[in-house]
Amino acid sequence: MKIVRVVSLVLLGSMAAAAQSAFAPVDRWDQALRSGNQAALAAFYSRIPPAVIETNVGAVADPEEEARYWSQAMTKEPTSVNPKLLTIEPKADGRVEAVLRIEMTFPGSSGPQPFAAAVHQLWQQQGGQWRIVATRRSDLEPNPPRRLPEPVKPKTDLYAPPEEARVEIDAALASARRDHKRVIVVFGANWCYDCHVLDATFHSKAIAPLVDANYHVVHVSVGDEEDRNLDLAEKYGVPLKKGIPGLAVLDPDGKVVYSQKEGEFENSTRFGTGDVTAFLKKWAPPHAG
C-alpha cells in the first residue's frame, strides 16, 4: 500500500476497550449497507450539524450523499458484500478511530467482478444515538486478486501505538540474542490492508513454521498521518515513501542485514507465497538449515 493514505475512519464516542474488534454502531451500519435501504442508512448520518462527506471529488455537508452512493451500489445486486474492520481505536477525548475496507463482488459478462473501497467515518453520540458526523470514502475500484492469503478478520490492534516501537524492538532483539534468531521489523499501520495481508501470510500454514523457526517479528506503526517513527525507518534504511509495509531484517546485535529499498512488499497483488518463502529463507540466520 502506498504511503499516501486514502482515508482514515474516526468514530466518536466511548468504548469498553481499545483492542475491541467490534463496535456496535459499525455493525448496525454494516447491516443497513447490506440491506440496500437508503433511508435506514441515511439515519446513521448527523443532521444537526449536517454530516460532512469527503470523496475523491471534494467535500459536501450532505447527510444523504453516502446513503445514496451505497444504495446505488446495492442496486447492482452484488453477489457478495464484505466489510472488513481494519482498526478501531478510542481516543482520550472520547472519540474512537477506525478504518474499514468494503469489498463487493458484482456479476459481469466475463465472470465475478471484485471491487473495494476505503471508508472512514466520524461518529458522535447525539441524544443517546450514535451518528456519523464526518466521513471520507474512496470510490469502489477494481480489486485485483492477491497472491497471498488474506485475513478473514483483520487484527485491529496489529500495530501497537507508535511510541511503543523502540521498546518492542529492544525486546525482540533480546529474544533473538537468546535463541539466535533474527528480527523482522515491519513498518506499517493498522489502516494499511496490505500490512494485514502480510501478517496473515506470516501466520499461514505454509509460512508460519519458517517464520517461527528463524525470526521475531515487530510491527512498527507509522501513525495515522504516516509521520511517526520516521527516524527508525531511516536508521534501518527503509524508505517509507516507497510504500508500506516496509521491511528490515536485523541481527541480534541490531545490525541491519537487509532493508527494503523499492517497496517490494507494499502491494500484495505483485508477489506471492513463493516470493515470501524465498525472502525468509534468504535472510534466515546462519544456523538455519
Foldseek 3Di string as FASTA:
>chain_A
DFLPDQFWAKEFAADPDFQDQDDVVVVQLVVVLLVLDLVSNLVQADVVVQAWEQEPVGIDRHSSVVSVQSSVVCVLPFPDWAKAKLAWGADPVGMIITKIKIWTWGADPVGIWIWIKIKHFYWDQDPNDIHTRYMYMYHTDTDDDFQFDFDSHFRNPLAPPQVCQVVVVLVFLVVCVVLVAKEKEWEEASNQRLVRRVVVRCVDPVRVVLCVNHYDYHYHYCDPNSPGPPVVCVVQVEDCSLAPRWIWMAGSVGHTPDGDHRCPSRDRRVDHSVVVVVVSVVPGGPVDD
